[in-house]
Amino acid sequence: MVIASELQEGTAIRIEGQIYKVLQVESKAGAAKMGGVVKTKLINVKSGRMWEPHFRPQEKLEDLELERRTMEFLYAEGDRFTFMRPDTFEQIEIPGASIGTAGNFLQSGMEFPVEFFEGEPISIILPDIAEARIVRTAPPSHAPQDSAWKEAILDNGLSIRVPLFIAPDEVVRVEVKTGRYVERSRGKRIA
């Protein structure tokens, strides 16, 4: 058991038989007779639905022990993502709801830690930042404004907003959870 005030991002908990992963936690202290509150943002690992419950700081919740295994991403078919254990060649499928929009950044051969509960895969640990190539965007321009943005289409099909100086065929770094542009990639390019 864990008390609500000790929840952390990435913790898995069970509420009314459903398994959730904690995406965000914010504790608010109470004043005078008002007790504090712990605001959370949870995702149901089976359905992918978001839920934003509030808990009392001393409320006890059932936390779950997860097992992590490194798995290689093979392919996506429809709403199912197939991963393989490199040591045993065992293959598993993870529903797209558990991966979300981050599935757009998965490429065959990438390895990720996959979290299991009671032998069932419930989520994958994705990097915060991924690289992608700009396939289509307006020609670059160097405007005096640093805050001007334009639309760009990535090689994975996502549409994001990038600064005006970004040109087609450049590699950019993108925040996986939100799909937001972070910076132009420095160093080696994606093949």
N, C-alpha and C. Protein backbone atom coordinates (compact mmCIF):
# COMPACT_ATOMS: atom_id res chain seq x y z
N MET A 1 0.85 -1.19 0.00
CA MET A 1 0.00 0.00 0.00
C MET A 1 0.89 1.25 0.00
N VAL A 2 0.38 2.27 -0.64
CA VAL A 2 1.08 3.55 -0.68
C VAL A 2 0.07 4.63 -0.32
N ILE A 3 0.52 5.66 0.41
CA ILE A 3 -0.41 6.75 0.70
C ILE A 3 -0.34 7.74 -0.46
N ALA A 4 -1.46 8.40 -0.70
CA ALA A 4 -1.61 9.26 -1.88
C ALA A 4 -0.53 10.33 -1.97
N SER A 5 -0.10 10.88 -0.83
CA SER A 5 0.90 11.95 -0.86
C SER A 5 2.28 11.45 -1.31
N GLU A 6 2.48 10.12 -1.34
CA GLU A 6 3.75 9.55 -1.77
C GLU A 6 3.72 9.00 -3.20
N LEU A 7 2.62 9.21 -3.92
CA LEU A 7 2.53 8.76 -5.31
C LEU A 7 3.58 9.46 -6.16
N GLN A 8 4.11 8.74 -7.13
CA GLN A 8 5.08 9.29 -8.06
C GLN A 8 4.69 8.93 -9.49
N GLU A 9 5.15 9.73 -10.44
CA GLU A 9 4.90 9.42 -11.85
C GLU A 9 5.46 8.05 -12.17
N GLY A 10 4.70 7.26 -12.93
CA GLY A 10 5.14 5.93 -13.33
C GLY A 10 4.69 4.82 -12.39
N THR A 11 4.15 5.18 -11.22
CA THR A 11 3.67 4.17 -10.28
C THR A 11 2.42 3.51 -10.85
N ALA A 12 2.30 2.20 -10.66
CA ALA A 12 1.09 1.47 -11.07
C ALA A 12 0.25 1.22 -9.82
N ILE A 13 -1.05 1.52 -9.91
CA ILE A 13 -1.96 1.30 -8.78
C ILE A 13 -3.22 0.60 -9.28
N ARG A 14 -3.92 -0.06 -8.33
CA ARG A 14 -5.17 -0.72 -8.67
C ARG A 14 -6.28 -0.02 -7.89
N ILE A 15 -7.31 0.42 -8.61
CA ILE A 15 -8.49 1.06 -8.00
C ILE A 15 -9.72 0.34 -8.55
N GLU A 16 -10.52 -0.20 -7.65
CA GLU A 16 -11.75 -0.92 -8.02
C GLU A 16 -11.49 -1.96 -9.11
N GLY A 17 -10.39 -2.71 -8.99
CA GLY A 17 -10.08 -3.80 -9.91
C GLY A 17 -9.43 -3.37 -11.21
N GLN A 18 -9.32 -2.07 -11.45
CA GLN A 18 -8.70 -1.57 -12.68
C GLN A 18 -7.26 -1.14 -12.39
N ILE A 19 -6.36 -1.38 -13.34
CA ILE A 19 -4.96 -1.00 -13.18
C ILE A 19 -4.71 0.32 -13.90
N TYR A 20 -4.07 1.25 -13.18
CA TYR A 20 -3.77 2.58 -13.71
C TYR A 20 -2.29 2.87 -13.53
N LYS A 21 -1.75 3.68 -14.44
CA LYS A 21 -0.40 4.21 -14.27
C LYS A 21 -0.54 5.69 -13.98
N VAL A 22 0.27 6.18 -13.04
CA VAL A 22 0.25 7.59 -12.66
C VAL A 22 1.07 8.37 -13.68
N LEU A 23 0.42 9.36 -14.33
CA LEU A 23 1.11 10.19 -15.31
C LEU A 23 1.59 11.50 -14.68
N GLN A 24 0.76 12.07 -13.79
CA GLN A 24 1.11 13.33 -13.12
C GLN A 24 0.57 13.30 -11.70
N VAL A 25 1.31 13.95 -10.80
CA VAL A 25 0.89 14.07 -9.41
C VAL A 25 1.16 15.50 -8.96
N GLU A 26 0.20 16.09 -8.26
CA GLU A 26 0.37 17.42 -7.71
C GLU A 26 -0.28 17.45 -6.34
N SER A 27 0.50 17.79 -5.32
CA SER A 27 -0.02 17.86 -3.96
C SER A 27 -0.30 19.31 -3.60
N LYS A 28 -1.47 19.55 -3.04
CA LYS A 28 -1.86 20.89 -2.60
C LYS A 28 -2.07 20.84 -1.09
N ALA A 29 -1.39 21.70 -0.39
CA ALA A 29 -1.55 21.75 1.06
C ALA A 29 -2.87 22.41 1.42
N GLY A 30 -3.47 21.94 2.50
CA GLY A 30 -4.72 22.53 2.96
C GLY A 30 -4.44 23.73 3.85
N ALA A 31 -5.46 24.52 4.08
CA ALA A 31 -5.34 25.69 4.94
C ALA A 31 -6.41 25.59 6.04
N ALA A 32 -6.02 25.93 7.25
CA ALA A 32 -6.91 25.90 8.42
C ALA A 32 -7.57 24.53 8.55
N LYS A 33 -8.92 24.49 8.51
CA LYS A 33 -9.62 23.22 8.68
C LYS A 33 -9.72 22.41 7.39
N MET A 34 -9.36 23.02 6.29
CA MET A 34 -9.42 22.32 5.00
C MET A 34 -8.21 21.40 4.88
N GLY A 35 -8.47 20.15 4.57
CA GLY A 35 -7.37 19.21 4.37
C GLY A 35 -6.75 19.41 3.01
N GLY A 36 -5.54 18.91 2.85
CA GLY A 36 -4.87 19.01 1.56
C GLY A 36 -5.51 18.06 0.56
N VAL A 37 -5.01 18.12 -0.66
CA VAL A 37 -5.53 17.24 -1.71
C VAL A 37 -4.37 16.84 -2.62
N VAL A 38 -4.43 15.62 -3.13
CA VAL A 38 -3.45 15.14 -4.10
C VAL A 38 -4.18 14.97 -5.43
N LYS A 39 -3.83 15.82 -6.39
CA LYS A 39 -4.43 15.76 -7.72
C LYS A 39 -3.58 14.83 -8.57
N THR A 40 -4.23 13.93 -9.29
CA THR A 40 -3.49 12.99 -10.13
C THR A 40 -4.07 12.94 -11.53
N LYS A 41 -3.25 12.50 -12.45
CA LYS A 41 -3.70 12.20 -13.81
C LYS A 41 -3.28 10.76 -14.04
N LEU A 42 -4.26 9.87 -14.25
CA LEU A 42 -4.02 8.45 -14.40
C LEU A 42 -4.45 7.98 -15.79
N ILE A 43 -3.84 6.89 -16.25
CA ILE A 43 -4.27 6.26 -17.49
C ILE A 43 -4.58 4.80 -17.19
N ASN A 44 -5.75 4.35 -17.66
CA ASN A 44 -6.13 2.95 -17.52
C ASN A 44 -5.30 2.16 -18.52
N VAL A 45 -4.53 1.17 -18.04
CA VAL A 45 -3.59 0.48 -18.92
C VAL A 45 -4.28 -0.41 -19.95
N LYS A 46 -5.52 -0.81 -19.71
CA LYS A 46 -6.25 -1.65 -20.67
C LYS A 46 -6.97 -0.82 -21.73
N SER A 47 -7.70 0.21 -21.27
CA SER A 47 -8.54 0.98 -22.20
C SER A 47 -7.85 2.22 -22.75
N GLY A 48 -6.81 2.71 -22.06
CA GLY A 48 -6.15 3.94 -22.49
C GLY A 48 -6.87 5.20 -22.07
N ARG A 49 -7.95 5.05 -21.31
CA ARG A 49 -8.72 6.22 -20.88
C ARG A 49 -8.01 6.98 -19.77
N MET A 50 -8.09 8.30 -19.86
CA MET A 50 -7.50 9.18 -18.83
C MET A 50 -8.53 9.41 -17.73
N TRP A 51 -8.01 9.59 -16.52
CA TRP A 51 -8.86 9.87 -15.37
C TRP A 51 -8.07 10.80 -14.46
N GLU A 52 -8.73 11.82 -13.91
CA GLU A 52 -8.05 12.80 -13.06
C GLU A 52 -8.70 12.86 -11.68
N PRO A 53 -8.51 11.80 -10.87
CA PRO A 53 -9.11 11.80 -9.53
C PRO A 53 -8.29 12.62 -8.54
N HIS A 54 -8.95 13.02 -7.45
CA HIS A 54 -8.29 13.70 -6.33
C HIS A 54 -8.36 12.75 -5.13
N PHE A 55 -7.30 12.73 -4.35
CA PHE A 55 -7.25 11.89 -3.16
C PHE A 55 -6.90 12.74 -1.95
N ARG A 56 -7.31 12.26 -0.77
CA ARG A 56 -6.85 12.87 0.48
C ARG A 56 -5.39 12.46 0.65
N PRO A 57 -4.53 13.32 1.19
CA PRO A 57 -3.10 12.99 1.30
C PRO A 57 -2.81 11.69 2.04
N GLN A 58 -3.59 11.31 3.04
CA GLN A 58 -3.33 10.10 3.81
C GLN A 58 -4.11 8.88 3.32
N GLU A 59 -4.83 9.04 2.19
CA GLU A 59 -5.60 7.93 1.64
C GLU A 59 -4.67 6.82 1.16
N LYS A 60 -4.99 5.57 1.51
CA LYS A 60 -4.15 4.44 1.13
C LYS A 60 -4.63 3.86 -0.20
N LEU A 61 -3.67 3.60 -1.08
CA LEU A 61 -3.95 3.05 -2.39
C LEU A 61 -3.10 1.80 -2.58
N GLU A 62 -3.59 0.87 -3.39
CA GLU A 62 -2.86 -0.36 -3.65
C GLU A 62 -1.88 -0.14 -4.79
N ASP A 63 -0.58 -0.13 -4.45
CA ASP A 63 0.43 -0.01 -5.49
C ASP A 63 0.83 -1.41 -5.94
N LEU A 64 1.26 -1.52 -7.19
CA LEU A 64 1.54 -2.82 -7.79
C LEU A 64 3.03 -2.94 -8.12
N GLU A 65 3.56 -4.11 -7.89
CA GLU A 65 4.96 -4.40 -8.23
C GLU A 65 5.00 -4.82 -9.69
N LEU A 66 5.76 -4.09 -10.49
CA LEU A 66 5.86 -4.39 -11.92
C LEU A 66 7.21 -5.02 -12.23
N GLU A 67 7.22 -5.90 -13.21
CA GLU A 67 8.45 -6.53 -13.70
C GLU A 67 8.79 -5.86 -15.02
N ARG A 68 10.06 -5.53 -15.20
CA ARG A 68 10.51 -4.91 -16.45
C ARG A 68 11.38 -5.88 -17.23
N ARG A 69 11.10 -5.97 -18.53
CA ARG A 69 11.90 -6.78 -19.44
C ARG A 69 12.20 -5.94 -20.68
N THR A 70 13.42 -6.05 -21.16
CA THR A 70 13.78 -5.33 -22.39
C THR A 70 13.24 -6.12 -23.57
N MET A 71 12.49 -5.41 -24.42
CA MET A 71 11.87 -6.05 -25.58
C MET A 71 12.21 -5.22 -26.83
N GLU A 72 12.22 -5.92 -27.97
CA GLU A 72 12.49 -5.27 -29.25
C GLU A 72 11.17 -5.07 -29.99
N PHE A 73 10.96 -3.84 -30.49
CA PHE A 73 9.75 -3.57 -31.27
C PHE A 73 9.92 -4.18 -32.66
N LEU A 74 8.91 -4.97 -33.08
CA LEU A 74 8.95 -5.60 -34.40
C LEU A 74 8.11 -4.85 -35.42
N TYR A 75 6.79 -4.74 -35.15
CA TYR A 75 5.91 -4.09 -36.11
C TYR A 75 4.58 -3.73 -35.44
N ALA A 76 3.82 -2.88 -36.13
CA ALA A 76 2.48 -2.52 -35.69
C ALA A 76 1.50 -2.98 -36.76
N GLU A 77 0.39 -3.56 -36.31
CA GLU A 77 -0.66 -3.99 -37.24
C GLU A 77 -1.98 -3.55 -36.65
N GLY A 78 -2.61 -2.58 -37.30
CA GLY A 78 -3.85 -2.03 -36.76
C GLY A 78 -3.57 -1.35 -35.43
N ASP A 79 -4.30 -1.75 -34.40
CA ASP A 79 -4.15 -1.16 -33.08
C ASP A 79 -3.31 -2.05 -32.16
N ARG A 80 -2.50 -2.92 -32.70
CA ARG A 80 -1.67 -3.85 -31.92
C ARG A 80 -0.20 -3.64 -32.27
N PHE A 81 0.64 -3.59 -31.25
CA PHE A 81 2.08 -3.43 -31.42
C PHE A 81 2.76 -4.70 -30.96
N THR A 82 3.60 -5.28 -31.81
CA THR A 82 4.25 -6.56 -31.50
C THR A 82 5.70 -6.33 -31.09
N PHE A 83 6.05 -6.91 -29.93
CA PHE A 83 7.39 -6.83 -29.37
C PHE A 83 7.93 -8.24 -29.19
N MET A 84 9.27 -8.36 -29.14
CA MET A 84 9.90 -9.67 -28.97
C MET A 84 11.01 -9.57 -27.93
N ARG A 85 11.10 -10.62 -27.09
CA ARG A 85 12.23 -10.73 -26.16
C ARG A 85 13.43 -11.19 -26.96
N PRO A 86 14.52 -10.42 -26.97
CA PRO A 86 15.69 -10.81 -27.77
C PRO A 86 16.34 -12.12 -27.33
N ASP A 87 16.23 -12.48 -26.05
CA ASP A 87 16.90 -13.69 -25.58
C ASP A 87 16.10 -14.96 -25.83
N THR A 88 14.76 -14.88 -25.78
CA THR A 88 13.93 -16.09 -25.95
C THR A 88 13.13 -16.08 -27.25
N PHE A 89 13.09 -14.96 -27.94
CA PHE A 89 12.31 -14.77 -29.17
C PHE A 89 10.80 -14.86 -28.93
N GLU A 90 10.37 -14.82 -27.65
CA GLU A 90 8.94 -14.80 -27.31
C GLU A 90 8.35 -13.47 -27.79
N GLN A 91 7.19 -13.55 -28.45
CA GLN A 91 6.54 -12.34 -28.95
C GLN A 91 5.29 -12.04 -28.15
N ILE A 92 5.05 -10.75 -27.93
CA ILE A 92 3.84 -10.30 -27.23
C ILE A 92 3.22 -9.16 -28.02
N GLU A 93 1.92 -8.96 -27.82
CA GLU A 93 1.22 -7.83 -28.43
C GLU A 93 0.78 -6.89 -27.32
N ILE A 94 0.92 -5.60 -27.58
CA ILE A 94 0.49 -4.58 -26.63
C ILE A 94 -0.53 -3.71 -27.36
N PRO A 95 -1.71 -3.47 -26.74
CA PRO A 95 -2.71 -2.64 -27.40
C PRO A 95 -2.23 -1.20 -27.57
N GLY A 96 -2.64 -0.59 -28.65
CA GLY A 96 -2.27 0.79 -28.95
C GLY A 96 -2.68 1.77 -27.88
N ALA A 97 -3.77 1.48 -27.16
CA ALA A 97 -4.24 2.37 -26.09
C ALA A 97 -3.19 2.52 -25.01
N SER A 98 -2.39 1.49 -24.77
CA SER A 98 -1.35 1.55 -23.74
C SER A 98 -0.15 2.37 -24.20
N ILE A 99 0.01 2.53 -25.50
CA ILE A 99 1.17 3.23 -26.03
C ILE A 99 0.82 4.67 -26.41
N GLY A 100 -0.40 4.88 -26.91
CA GLY A 100 -0.84 6.23 -27.28
C GLY A 100 -0.16 6.75 -28.53
N THR A 101 -0.05 8.07 -28.63
CA THR A 101 0.54 8.70 -29.81
C THR A 101 2.02 8.42 -29.94
N ALA A 102 2.65 7.97 -28.86
CA ALA A 102 4.08 7.63 -28.90
C ALA A 102 4.34 6.50 -29.87
N GLY A 103 3.32 5.71 -30.21
CA GLY A 103 3.47 4.62 -31.17
C GLY A 103 3.94 5.10 -32.53
N ASN A 104 3.69 6.37 -32.84
CA ASN A 104 4.13 6.93 -34.12
C ASN A 104 5.64 7.02 -34.23
N PHE A 105 6.34 7.02 -33.09
CA PHE A 105 7.79 7.17 -33.10
C PHE A 105 8.52 5.83 -33.04
N LEU A 106 7.78 4.72 -32.93
CA LEU A 106 8.42 3.40 -32.85
C LEU A 106 8.91 2.98 -34.22
N GLN A 107 10.14 2.45 -34.26
CA GLN A 107 10.71 1.94 -35.50
C GLN A 107 11.20 0.52 -35.24
N SER A 108 11.04 -0.32 -36.21
CA SER A 108 11.45 -1.72 -36.10
C SER A 108 12.90 -1.82 -35.64
N GLY A 109 13.13 -2.69 -34.65
CA GLY A 109 14.47 -2.89 -34.13
C GLY A 109 14.79 -2.10 -32.88
N MET A 110 13.96 -1.11 -32.55
CA MET A 110 14.20 -0.34 -31.31
C MET A 110 13.91 -1.22 -30.11
N GLU A 111 14.69 -1.04 -29.04
CA GLU A 111 14.48 -1.80 -27.81
C GLU A 111 13.99 -0.87 -26.70
N PHE A 112 13.01 -1.37 -25.94
CA PHE A 112 12.42 -0.61 -24.85
C PHE A 112 12.17 -1.52 -23.66
N PRO A 113 12.19 -0.96 -22.45
CA PRO A 113 11.73 -1.73 -21.30
C PRO A 113 10.20 -1.84 -21.36
N VAL A 114 9.69 -3.04 -21.20
CA VAL A 114 8.24 -3.27 -21.16
C VAL A 114 7.89 -3.69 -19.74
N GLU A 115 6.81 -3.10 -19.19
CA GLU A 115 6.40 -3.41 -17.83
C GLU A 115 5.31 -4.47 -17.86
N PHE A 116 5.46 -5.46 -16.99
CA PHE A 116 4.52 -6.56 -16.88
C PHE A 116 3.94 -6.61 -15.47
N PHE A 117 2.65 -6.96 -15.38
CA PHE A 117 2.02 -7.23 -14.10
C PHE A 117 1.33 -8.58 -14.21
N GLU A 118 1.69 -9.50 -13.34
CA GLU A 118 1.17 -10.87 -13.34
C GLU A 118 1.28 -11.50 -14.73
N GLY A 119 2.43 -11.29 -15.37
CA GLY A 119 2.71 -11.91 -16.66
C GLY A 119 2.10 -11.21 -17.86
N GLU A 120 1.28 -10.19 -17.64
CA GLU A 120 0.64 -9.46 -18.74
C GLU A 120 1.35 -8.13 -18.99
N PRO A 121 1.68 -7.81 -20.25
CA PRO A 121 2.31 -6.52 -20.53
C PRO A 121 1.29 -5.40 -20.33
N ILE A 122 1.70 -4.35 -19.61
CA ILE A 122 0.76 -3.25 -19.39
C ILE A 122 1.23 -1.92 -19.97
N SER A 123 2.55 -1.75 -20.13
CA SER A 123 3.01 -0.49 -20.72
C SER A 123 4.46 -0.62 -21.15
N ILE A 124 4.91 0.34 -21.97
CA ILE A 124 6.31 0.39 -22.34
C ILE A 124 6.88 1.72 -21.86
N ILE A 125 8.16 1.71 -21.56
CA ILE A 125 8.84 2.92 -21.12
C ILE A 125 9.49 3.54 -22.35
N LEU A 126 8.94 4.65 -22.77
CA LEU A 126 9.44 5.33 -23.98
C LEU A 126 10.38 6.46 -23.59
N PRO A 127 11.30 6.80 -24.48
CA PRO A 127 12.16 7.95 -24.20
C PRO A 127 11.32 9.23 -24.22
N ASP A 128 11.80 10.26 -23.55
CA ASP A 128 11.08 11.53 -23.53
C ASP A 128 11.16 12.24 -24.88
N ILE A 129 12.29 12.07 -25.58
CA ILE A 129 12.54 12.76 -26.84
C ILE A 129 12.86 11.74 -27.93
N ALA A 130 12.32 11.96 -29.13
CA ALA A 130 12.62 11.10 -30.28
C ALA A 130 12.98 11.99 -31.47
N GLU A 131 13.68 11.41 -32.42
CA GLU A 131 14.04 12.15 -33.63
C GLU A 131 13.16 11.70 -34.79
N ALA A 132 12.85 12.65 -35.66
CA ALA A 132 12.06 12.35 -36.86
C ALA A 132 12.48 13.32 -37.96
N ARG A 133 12.32 12.87 -39.20
CA ARG A 133 12.68 13.70 -40.35
C ARG A 133 11.46 14.48 -40.84
N ILE A 134 11.71 15.73 -41.22
CA ILE A 134 10.66 16.58 -41.80
C ILE A 134 10.49 16.15 -43.26
N VAL A 135 9.28 15.72 -43.62
CA VAL A 135 9.01 15.30 -44.99
C VAL A 135 8.51 16.48 -45.81
N ARG A 136 7.62 17.28 -45.21
CA ARG A 136 7.02 18.38 -45.96
C ARG A 136 6.80 19.57 -45.04
N THR A 137 7.24 20.73 -45.49
CA THR A 137 6.99 22.00 -44.80
C THR A 137 7.30 23.14 -45.76
N ALA A 138 6.93 24.33 -45.39
CA ALA A 138 7.21 25.50 -46.22
C ALA A 138 8.73 25.75 -46.25
N PRO A 139 9.22 26.40 -47.30
CA PRO A 139 10.66 26.70 -47.35
C PRO A 139 11.09 27.50 -46.12
N PRO A 140 12.35 27.33 -45.71
CA PRO A 140 12.81 28.04 -44.52
C PRO A 140 12.90 29.54 -44.76
N SER A 141 12.66 30.28 -43.71
CA SER A 141 12.84 31.73 -43.77
C SER A 141 13.40 32.17 -42.43
N HIS A 142 14.17 33.19 -42.47
CA HIS A 142 14.79 33.69 -41.24
C HIS A 142 14.15 35.02 -40.90
N ALA A 143 13.01 34.93 -40.26
CA ALA A 143 12.25 36.11 -39.88
C ALA A 143 12.86 36.72 -38.61
N PRO A 144 12.65 38.00 -38.40
CA PRO A 144 13.19 38.63 -37.19
C PRO A 144 12.51 38.11 -35.91
N GLN A 145 11.35 37.47 -36.06
CA GLN A 145 10.63 36.95 -34.89
C GLN A 145 11.11 35.54 -34.59
N ASP A 146 11.41 35.28 -33.33
CA ASP A 146 11.76 33.92 -32.93
C ASP A 146 10.53 33.10 -32.57
N SER A 147 9.40 33.76 -32.45
CA SER A 147 8.20 33.08 -31.98
C SER A 147 7.27 32.65 -33.12
N ALA A 148 7.72 32.79 -34.37
CA ALA A 148 6.88 32.42 -35.50
C ALA A 148 7.04 30.93 -35.80
N TRP A 149 5.91 30.26 -36.08
CA TRP A 149 5.89 28.82 -36.30
C TRP A 149 5.16 28.50 -37.60
N LYS A 150 5.45 27.30 -38.14
CA LYS A 150 4.77 26.82 -39.34
C LYS A 150 4.48 25.33 -39.17
N GLU A 151 3.58 24.81 -40.00
CA GLU A 151 3.23 23.38 -39.95
C GLU A 151 4.30 22.57 -40.67
N ALA A 152 4.53 21.36 -40.17
CA ALA A 152 5.47 20.44 -40.82
C ALA A 152 4.93 19.02 -40.66
N ILE A 153 5.14 18.20 -41.68
CA ILE A 153 4.75 16.79 -41.64
C ILE A 153 6.00 15.95 -41.44
N LEU A 154 5.97 15.07 -40.43
CA LEU A 154 7.11 14.20 -40.14
C LEU A 154 7.03 12.92 -40.96
N ASP A 155 8.15 12.19 -41.01
CA ASP A 155 8.18 10.93 -41.77
C ASP A 155 7.26 9.86 -41.18
N ASN A 156 6.80 10.05 -39.94
CA ASN A 156 5.86 9.09 -39.35
C ASN A 156 4.41 9.52 -39.55
N GLY A 157 4.19 10.62 -40.29
CA GLY A 157 2.84 11.07 -40.60
C GLY A 157 2.29 12.12 -39.66
N LEU A 158 2.96 12.38 -38.54
CA LEU A 158 2.46 13.38 -37.59
C LEU A 158 2.67 14.78 -38.14
N SER A 159 1.73 15.66 -37.81
CA SER A 159 1.85 17.07 -38.15
C SER A 159 2.22 17.81 -36.88
N ILE A 160 3.32 18.58 -36.94
CA ILE A 160 3.74 19.35 -35.78
C ILE A 160 4.01 20.79 -36.21
N ARG A 161 4.22 21.66 -35.24
CA ARG A 161 4.59 23.04 -35.51
C ARG A 161 6.08 23.19 -35.24
N VAL A 162 6.78 23.80 -36.21
CA VAL A 162 8.22 24.00 -36.10
C VAL A 162 8.55 25.47 -36.36
N PRO A 163 9.74 25.95 -35.93
CA PRO A 163 10.14 27.33 -36.23
C PRO A 163 10.32 27.55 -37.73
N LEU A 164 10.24 28.78 -38.15
CA LEU A 164 10.32 29.12 -39.58
C LEU A 164 11.63 28.71 -40.24
N PHE A 165 12.73 28.61 -39.49
CA PHE A 165 14.03 28.30 -40.09
C PHE A 165 14.23 26.82 -40.42
N ILE A 166 13.31 25.95 -40.04
CA ILE A 166 13.43 24.52 -40.32
C ILE A 166 13.08 24.25 -41.78
N ALA A 167 13.92 23.44 -42.44
CA ALA A 167 13.74 23.13 -43.87
C ALA A 167 13.28 21.69 -44.04
N PRO A 168 12.67 21.37 -45.19
CA PRO A 168 12.34 19.98 -45.48
C PRO A 168 13.59 19.11 -45.44
N ASP A 169 13.43 17.85 -45.06
CA ASP A 169 14.49 16.84 -44.98
C ASP A 169 15.42 17.02 -43.79
N GLU A 170 15.14 17.97 -42.90
CA GLU A 170 15.93 18.11 -41.67
C GLU A 170 15.40 17.15 -40.62
N VAL A 171 16.27 16.77 -39.70
CA VAL A 171 15.88 15.91 -38.58
C VAL A 171 15.67 16.80 -37.36
N VAL A 172 14.52 16.60 -36.71
CA VAL A 172 14.21 17.40 -35.52
C VAL A 172 13.96 16.47 -34.34
N ARG A 173 14.11 17.03 -33.16
CA ARG A 173 13.84 16.29 -31.93
C ARG A 173 12.44 16.71 -31.45
N VAL A 174 11.63 15.70 -31.09
CA VAL A 174 10.23 15.94 -30.74
C VAL A 174 9.94 15.30 -29.38
N GLU A 175 9.18 16.00 -28.55
CA GLU A 175 8.75 15.46 -27.26
C GLU A 175 7.71 14.37 -27.54
N VAL A 176 7.99 13.14 -27.11
CA VAL A 176 7.16 11.99 -27.47
C VAL A 176 5.74 12.10 -26.92
N LYS A 177 5.57 12.49 -25.66
CA LYS A 177 4.24 12.53 -25.04
C LYS A 177 3.32 13.55 -25.68
N THR A 178 3.88 14.72 -26.03
CA THR A 178 3.03 15.81 -26.51
C THR A 178 3.11 16.02 -28.02
N GLY A 179 4.17 15.52 -28.66
CA GLY A 179 4.35 15.76 -30.08
C GLY A 179 4.85 17.16 -30.38
N ARG A 180 5.44 17.83 -29.38
CA ARG A 180 5.94 19.20 -29.56
C ARG A 180 7.38 19.21 -30.04
N TYR A 181 7.69 20.13 -30.93
CA TYR A 181 9.05 20.36 -31.40
C TYR A 181 9.92 20.78 -30.22
N VAL A 182 11.14 20.21 -30.14
CA VAL A 182 12.08 20.58 -29.08
C VAL A 182 13.23 21.38 -29.67
N GLU A 183 13.90 20.79 -30.68
CA GLU A 183 15.04 21.46 -31.29
C GLU A 183 15.43 20.75 -32.58
N ARG A 184 16.28 21.40 -33.35
CA ARG A 184 16.86 20.80 -34.53
C ARG A 184 17.88 19.77 -34.04
N SER A 185 17.94 18.63 -34.69
CA SER A 185 18.86 17.57 -34.27
C SER A 185 20.29 17.96 -34.61
N ARG A 186 21.17 17.69 -33.67
CA ARG A 186 22.60 17.91 -33.90
C ARG A 186 23.26 16.54 -33.96
N GLY A 187 24.23 16.39 -34.79
CA GLY A 187 24.94 15.11 -34.84
C GLY A 187 24.44 14.25 -35.99
N LYS A 188 24.49 12.94 -35.76
CA LYS A 188 24.17 12.01 -36.86
C LYS A 188 22.71 12.09 -37.26
N ARG A 189 22.47 11.86 -38.51
CA ARG A 189 21.13 11.92 -39.07
C ARG A 189 20.50 10.53 -39.08
N ILE A 190 19.15 10.50 -39.07
CA ILE A 190 18.40 9.25 -39.19
C ILE A 190 18.56 8.73 -40.60
N ALA A 191 18.79 7.46 -40.76
CA ALA A 191 18.95 6.87 -42.10
C ALA A 191 17.64 6.76 -42.82
